[in-house]
C-alpha atoms as a PDB file:
ATOM      1  CA  MET A   1     119.200-117.338 -12.657  1.00  0.00           C
ATOM      2  CA  ASP A   2     117.660-114.339 -14.378  1.00  0.00           C
ATOM      3  CA  ILE A   3     120.722-112.326 -13.700  1.00  0.00           C
ATOM      4  CA  ALA A   4     122.923-115.051 -15.075  1.00  0.00           C
ATOM      5  CA  GLN A   5     120.745-115.456 -18.265  1.00  0.00           C
ATOM      6  CA  GLN A   6     121.110-111.803 -18.902  1.00  0.00           C
ATOM      7  CA  LYS A   7     124.768-111.523 -18.545  1.00  0.00           C
ATOM      8  CA  ARG A   8     125.020-114.688 -20.670  1.00  0.00           C
ATOM      9  CA  LYS A   9     123.126-112.651 -23.538  1.00  0.00           C
ATOM     10  CA  GLU A  10     125.097-109.548 -23.121  1.00  0.00           C
ATOM     11  CA  ASN A  11     128.630-110.172 -21.904  1.00  0.00           C
ATOM     12  CA  ILE A  12     130.088-113.719 -21.699  1.00  0.00           C
ATOM     13  CA  ALA A  13     133.046-112.310 -19.514  1.00  0.00           C
ATOM     14  CA  GLU A  14     130.523-110.902 -16.738  1.00  0.00           C
ATOM     15  CA  TYR A  15     128.522-114.144 -17.132  1.00  0.00           C
ATOM     16  CA  ILE A  16     131.883-116.298 -16.229  1.00  0.00           C
ATOM     17  CA  LEU A  17     132.823-113.944 -13.381  1.00  0.00           C
ATOM     18  CA  TYR A  18     129.319-113.871 -12.067  1.00  0.00           C
ATOM     19  CA  LEU A  19     129.177-117.689 -11.907  1.00  0.00           C
ATOM     20  CA  TRP A  20     132.619-117.934 -10.315  1.00  0.00           C
ATOM     21  CA  GLN A  21     131.126-115.280  -7.588  1.00  0.00           C
ATOM     22  CA  ILE A  22     127.961-117.704  -7.202  1.00  0.00           C
ATOM     23  CA  GLU A  23     130.345-120.613  -6.620  1.00  0.00           C
ATOM     24  CA  ASP A  24     132.233-118.902  -3.801  1.00  0.00           C
ATOM     25  CA  LEU A  25     128.862-117.639  -2.290  1.00  0.00           C
ATOM     26  CA  LEU A  26     127.537-121.106  -2.215  1.00  0.00           C
ATOM     27  CA  ARG A  27     130.753-122.305  -0.625  1.00  0.00           C
ATOM     28  CA  ALA A  28     130.529-119.654   1.979  1.00  0.00           C
ATOM     29  CA  LEU A  29     127.076-120.487   2.706  1.00  0.00           C
ATOM     30  CA  GLN A  30     128.102-124.283   3.147  1.00  0.00           C
ATOM     31  CA  PHE A  31     125.541-125.404   0.474  1.00  0.00           C
ATOM     32  CA  SER A  32     122.790-125.144   3.027  1.00  0.00           C
ATOM     33  CA  PRO A  33     119.390-124.688   1.334  1.00  0.00           C
ATOM     34  CA  GLU A  34     118.289-122.752   4.196  1.00  0.00           C
ATOM     35  CA  ALA A  35     121.117-120.405   4.155  1.00  0.00           C
ATOM     36  CA  ILE A  36     120.983-120.171   0.362  1.00  0.00           C
ATOM     37  CA  TYR A  37     117.348-119.240   0.651  1.00  0.00           C
ATOM     38  CA  SER A  38     117.608-116.644   3.417  1.00  0.00           C
ATOM     39  CA  THR A  39     120.681-114.891   1.876  1.00  0.00           C
ATOM     40  CA  LEU A  40     120.237-115.126  -1.920  1.00  0.00           C
ATOM     41  CA  VAL A  41     116.599-115.992  -2.700  1.00  0.00           C
ATOM     42  CA  GLN A  42     114.357-114.336   0.028  1.00  0.00           C
ATOM     43  CA  PRO A  43     115.892-110.796  -0.278  1.00  0.00           C
ATOM     44  CA  ARG A  44     114.841-110.618  -4.011  1.00  0.00           C
ATOM     45  CA  LYS A  45     111.176-110.743  -2.856  1.00  0.00           C
ATOM     46  CA  LEU A  46     109.902-113.011  -5.528  1.00  0.00           C
ATOM     47  CA  ASP A  47     106.766-114.782  -5.722  1.00  0.00           C
ATOM     48  CA  THR A  48     106.676-118.180  -4.116  1.00  0.00           C
ATOM     49  CA  SER A  49     107.057-119.917  -7.559  1.00  0.00           C
ATOM     50  CA  HIS A  50     110.169-117.960  -8.812  1.00  0.00           C
ATOM     51  CA  GLU A  51     111.441-118.419  -5.286  1.00  0.00           C
ATOM     52  CA  GLN A  52     111.415-122.212  -5.684  1.00  0.00           C
ATOM     53  CA  ILE A  53     112.874-121.724  -9.385  1.00  0.00           C
ATOM     54  CA  LEU A  54     115.830-119.505  -8.211  1.00  0.00           C
ATOM     55  CA  LEU A  55     116.582-121.891  -5.149  1.00  0.00           C
ATOM     56  CA  ALA A  56     116.378-125.076  -7.511  1.00  0.00           C
ATOM     57  CA  TRP A  57     119.106-123.273  -9.771  1.00  0.00           C
ATOM     58  CA  TYR A  58     121.279-122.484  -6.734  1.00  0.00           C
ATOM     59  CA  MET A  59     120.949-126.031  -5.767  1.00  0.00           C
ATOM     60  CA  ASP A  60     121.840-127.280  -9.233  1.00  0.00           C
ATOM     61  CA  ILE A  61     125.013-125.182  -9.068  1.00  0.00           C
ATOM     62  CA  ALA A  62     125.989-126.735  -5.585  1.00  0.00           C
ATOM     63  CA  GLY A  63     125.137-130.214  -7.078  1.00  0.00           C
ATOM     64  CA  LEU A  64     127.420-129.708 -10.071  1.00  0.00           C
ATOM     65  CA  LEU A  65     130.116-128.617  -7.790  1.00  0.00           C
ATOM     66  CA  ALA A  66     129.645-131.621  -5.626  1.00  0.00           C
ATOM     67  CA  GLN A  67     129.847-133.874  -8.965  1.00  0.00           C
ATOM     68  CA  GLU A  68     132.945-132.158  -9.914  1.00  0.00           C
ATOM     69  CA  GLN A  69     134.390-132.421  -6.421  1.00  0.00           C
ATOM     70  CA  LYS A  70     134.823-128.533  -6.310  1.00  0.00           C
ATOM     71  CA  GLU A  71     133.313-127.990  -2.949  1.00  0.00           C
ATOM     72  CA  GLN A  72     136.399-126.574  -1.551  1.00  0.00           C
ATOM     73  CA  SER A  73     137.961-124.593  -4.537  1.00  0.00           C
ATOM     74  CA  GLY A  74     137.835-124.526  -8.155  1.00  0.00           C
ATOM     75  CA  HIS A  75     135.307-123.575 -10.905  1.00  0.00           C
ATOM     76  CA  LEU A  76     132.801-125.522 -12.796  1.00  0.00           C
ATOM     77  CA  ASN A  77     133.896-127.050 -16.159  1.00  0.00           C
ATOM     78  CA  HIS A  78     131.004-125.155 -17.769  1.00  0.00           C
ATOM     79  CA  THR A  79     132.796-121.733 -17.277  1.00  0.00           C
ATOM     80  CA  LEU A  80     136.200-123.425 -17.999  1.00  0.00           C
ATOM     81  CA  HIS A  81     134.885-124.708 -21.155  1.00  0.00           C
ATOM     82  CA  LEU A  82     133.569-121.242 -22.062  1.00  0.00           C
ATOM     83  CA  ILE A  83     137.040-119.649 -21.154  1.00  0.00           C
ATOM     84  CA  SER A  84     138.575-122.358 -23.597  1.00  0.00           C
ATOM     85  CA  ASP A  85     136.141-121.352 -26.373  1.00  0.00           C
ATOM     86  CA  LEU A  86     137.203-117.745 -25.623  1.00  0.00           C
ATOM     87  CA  HIS A  87     140.816-118.797 -26.041  1.00  0.00           C
ATOM     88  CA  ASP A  88     140.150-120.552 -29.283  1.00  0.00           C
ATOM     89  CA  LEU A  89     138.580-117.353 -30.520  1.00  0.00           C
ATOM     90  CA  HIS A  90     141.710-115.280 -29.196  1.00  0.00           C
ATOM     91  CA  LEU A  91     143.954-117.740 -31.275  1.00  0.00           C
ATOM     92  CA  ARG A  92     141.643-117.274 -34.449  1.00  0.00           C
ATOM     93  CA  LEU A  93     141.739-113.523 -34.003  1.00  0.00           C
ATOM     94  CA  MET A  94     145.563-113.471 -33.695  1.00  0.00           C
ATOM     95  CA  GLN A  95     145.488-115.150 -36.880  1.00  0.00           C
ATOM     96  CA  GLN A  96     143.051-113.001 -38.806  1.00  0.00           C
ATOM     97  CA  GLN A  97     144.394-110.474 -40.912  1.00  0.00           C
ATOM     98  CA  GLU A  98     141.438-108.132 -41.352  1.00  0.00           C
ATOM     99  CA  VAL A  99     139.155-108.851 -38.507  1.00  0.00           C
ATOM    100  CA  GLY A 100     141.907-109.308 -35.939  1.00  0.00           C
ATOM    101  CA  GLU A 101     144.090-106.043 -36.403  1.00  0.00           C
ATOM    102  CA  SER A 102     142.483-103.995 -33.649  1.00  0.00           C
ATOM    103  CA  TYR A 103     142.259-107.211 -31.336  1.00  0.00           C
ATOM    104  CA  ARG A 104     146.032-107.863 -31.791  1.00  0.00           C
ATOM    105  CA  GLN A 105     146.967-104.293 -31.128  1.00  0.00           C
ATOM    106  CA  ARG A 106     144.921-104.452 -27.826  1.00  0.00           C
ATOM    107  CA  TYR A 107     146.600-108.028 -26.919  1.00  0.00           C
ATOM    108  CA  SER A 108     150.059-106.490 -27.647  1.00  0.00           C
ATOM    109  CA  GLN A 109     149.319-104.009 -24.937  1.00  0.00           C
ATOM    110  CA  LEU A 110     148.628-106.791 -22.619  1.00  0.00           C
ATOM    111  CA  VAL A 111     151.551-109.069 -23.400  1.00  0.00           C
ATOM    112  CA  PRO A 112     154.234-107.325 -21.222  1.00  0.00           C
ATOM    113  CA  HIS A 113     152.227-107.785 -18.152  1.00  0.00           C
ATOM    114  CA  LEU A 114     151.231-111.453 -18.556  1.00  0.00           C
ATOM    115  CA  SER A 115     154.352-112.826 -16.729  1.00  0.00           C
ATOM    116  CA  ALA A 116     153.769-110.372 -13.778  1.00  0.00           C
ATOM    117  CA  LEU A 117     150.240-111.427 -13.662  1.00  0.00           C
ATOM    118  CA  ARG A 118     151.241-115.125 -13.781  1.00  0.00           C
ATOM    119  CA  SER A 119     153.557-114.718 -10.962  1.00  0.00           C
ATOM    120  CA  ARG A 120     151.299-112.442  -8.764  1.00  0.00           C
ATOM    121  CA  LEU A 121     148.532-115.100  -8.992  1.00  0.00           C
ATOM    122  CA  GLY A 122     150.694-118.029  -8.595  1.00  0.00           C
ATOM    123  CA  LYS A 123     149.470-119.794 -11.832  1.00  0.00           C
ATOM    124  CA  GLU A 124     151.126-122.452 -13.709  1.00  0.00           C
ATOM    125  CA  SER A 125     152.746-121.358 -16.906  1.00  0.00           C
ATOM    126  CA  ASP A 126     150.751-123.803 -19.064  1.00  0.00           C
ATOM    127  CA  MET A 127     147.534-121.856 -18.088  1.00  0.00           C
ATOM    128  CA  SER A 128     146.199-119.869 -21.276  1.00  0.00           C
ATOM    129  CA  ASP A 129     146.533-116.279 -21.264  1.00  0.00           C
ATOM    130  CA  THR A 130     142.749-116.167 -21.536  1.00  0.00           C
ATOM    131  CA  GLU A 131     142.167-118.068 -18.278  1.00  0.00           C
ATOM    132  CA  LEU A 132     145.013-115.990 -16.635  1.00  0.00           C
ATOM    133  CA  CYS A 133     143.204-112.904 -17.507  1.00  0.00           C
ATOM    134  CA  PHE A 134     139.976-114.171 -16.039  1.00  0.00           C
ATOM    135  CA  ARG A 135     141.456-115.364 -12.831  1.00  0.00           C
ATOM    136  CA  ALA A 136     143.133-111.809 -12.674  1.00  0.00           C
ATOM    137  CA  LEU A 137     139.768-110.055 -12.958  1.00  0.00           C
ATOM    138  CA  TYR A 138     138.141-112.202 -10.416  1.00  0.00           C
ATOM    139  CA  ALA A 139     141.056-111.709  -8.002  1.00  0.00           C
ATOM    140  CA  ALA A 140     140.738-107.966  -8.259  1.00  0.00           C
ATOM    141  CA  MET A 141     137.170-108.255  -7.828  1.00  0.00           C
ATOM    142  CA  LEU A 142     137.592-110.083  -4.647  1.00  0.00           C
ATOM    143  CA  TYR A 143     140.449-107.617  -3.474  1.00  0.00           C
ATOM    144  CA  ARG A 144     138.010-104.895  -4.368  1.00  0.00           C
ATOM    145  CA  ILE A 145     135.115-106.486  -2.169  1.00  0.00           C
ATOM    146  CA  LYS A 146     137.746-106.766   0.699  1.00  0.00           C
ATOM    147  CA  GLY A 147     139.141-103.224   0.192  1.00  0.00           C
ATOM    148  CA  GLU A 148     142.572-104.442  -0.204  1.00  0.00           C
ATOM    149  CA  GLY A 149     145.248-103.957  -2.851  1.00  0.00           C
ATOM    150  CA  GLU A 150     143.841-100.824  -4.587  1.00  0.00           C
ATOM    151  CA  LYS A 151     146.858-100.289  -6.686  1.00  0.00           C
ATOM    152  CA  ALA A 152     147.154-103.782  -7.810  1.00  0.00           C
ATOM    153  CA  VAL A 153     143.495-103.889  -8.549  1.00  0.00           C
ATOM    154  CA  ALA A 154     143.537-100.707 -10.463  1.00  0.00           C
ATOM    155  CA  ASP A 155     146.616-101.944 -12.522  1.00  0.00           C
ATOM    156  CA  THR A 156     145.140-105.288 -13.252  1.00  0.00           C
ATOM    157  CA  LEU A 157     141.643-103.514 -14.406  1.00  0.00           C
ATOM    158  CA  GLU A 158     143.454-100.977 -16.557  1.00  0.00           C
ATOM    159  CA  VAL A 159     145.574-103.731 -18.438  1.00  0.00           C
ATOM    160  CA  VAL A 160     143.228-106.727 -18.242  1.00  0.00           C
ATOM    161  CA  SER A 161     139.728-105.387 -18.456  1.00  0.00           C
ATOM    162  CA  PRO A 162     140.034-103.760 -22.047  1.00  0.00           C
ATOM    163  CA  PHE A 163     141.412-106.954 -23.431  1.00  0.00           C
ATOM    164  CA  VAL A 164     138.786-109.281 -21.934  1.00  0.00           C
ATOM    165  CA  ALA A 165     135.855-106.827 -22.930  1.00  0.00           C
ATOM    166  CA  LEU A 166     137.258-106.651 -26.399  1.00  0.00           C
ATOM    167  CA  LEU A 167     137.377-110.539 -26.668  1.00  0.00           C
ATOM    168  CA  ALA A 168     133.781-110.879 -25.321  1.00  0.00           C
ATOM    169  CA  ASP A 169     132.681-108.299 -27.710  1.00  0.00           C
ATOM    170  CA  TYR A 170     134.059-110.446 -30.712  1.00  0.00           C
ATOM    171  CA  TYR A 171     132.721-113.682 -28.944  1.00  0.00           C
ATOM    172  CA  HIS A 172     129.239-112.224 -29.122  1.00  0.00           C
ATOM    173  CA  LYS A 173     129.510-110.983 -32.648  1.00  0.00           C
ATOM    174  CA  VAL A 174     130.813-114.476 -33.832  1.00  0.00           C
ATOM    175  CA  GLU A 175     127.947-116.088 -31.969  1.00  0.00           C
ATOM    176  CA  ARG A 176     125.491-113.474 -33.645  1.00  0.00           C
ATOM    177  CA  GLY A 177     126.855-114.139 -37.011  1.00  0.00           C
ATOM    178  CA  GLU A 178     128.214-110.592 -37.413  1.00  0.00           C
ATOM    179  CA  ILE A 179     131.762-111.806 -38.058  1.00  0.00           C
ATOM    180  CA  ASP A 180     132.673-115.105 -39.869  1.00  0.00           C
ATOM    181  CA  LEU A 181     136.118-116.136 -38.823  1.00  0.00           C
ATOM    182  CA  PHE A 182     136.078-119.228 -41.139  1.00  0.00           C
ATOM    183  CA  LYS A 183     135.525-117.475 -44.439  1.00  0.00           C
ATOM    184  CA  GLU A 184     138.555-117.642 -46.779  1.00  0.00           C
END
């Protein structure tokens, strides 16, 4: 919970990927409160009240996954809405003359790789480029954890990471009011 809050403040992309990882951890632990406690809470060595808060947070996420019927697979609507917001920002930055120039350059470096990413991940063509990039980063993270696909992981990270990092940076600048994308 505290890690998620910190990531949410500092880097929206890391926050989304962290929540996706939590979803998969909860699935691997079969949503068992005992397993969640012994695997995710107890090792943090918190005082009892903080342990209960953290366990409740994990169980809330588990409850949302059940409510959204995503116990087996899929991602919470919360993170998908954030990705949609990021995609809206992406579209806005593509239209901006002054603010979006460096962004458009970074995106143009990504464009030639999008169809290969789409086919490698087996994702439908109506998925936004932004969501595709997040799914590619998450897949790369999983491959890295498994120690597999080093070349594919390196290629994905080299191409996708700079784009997502720049988009996340713009997101936080807009959120803090440092950039106004709606002024004429």
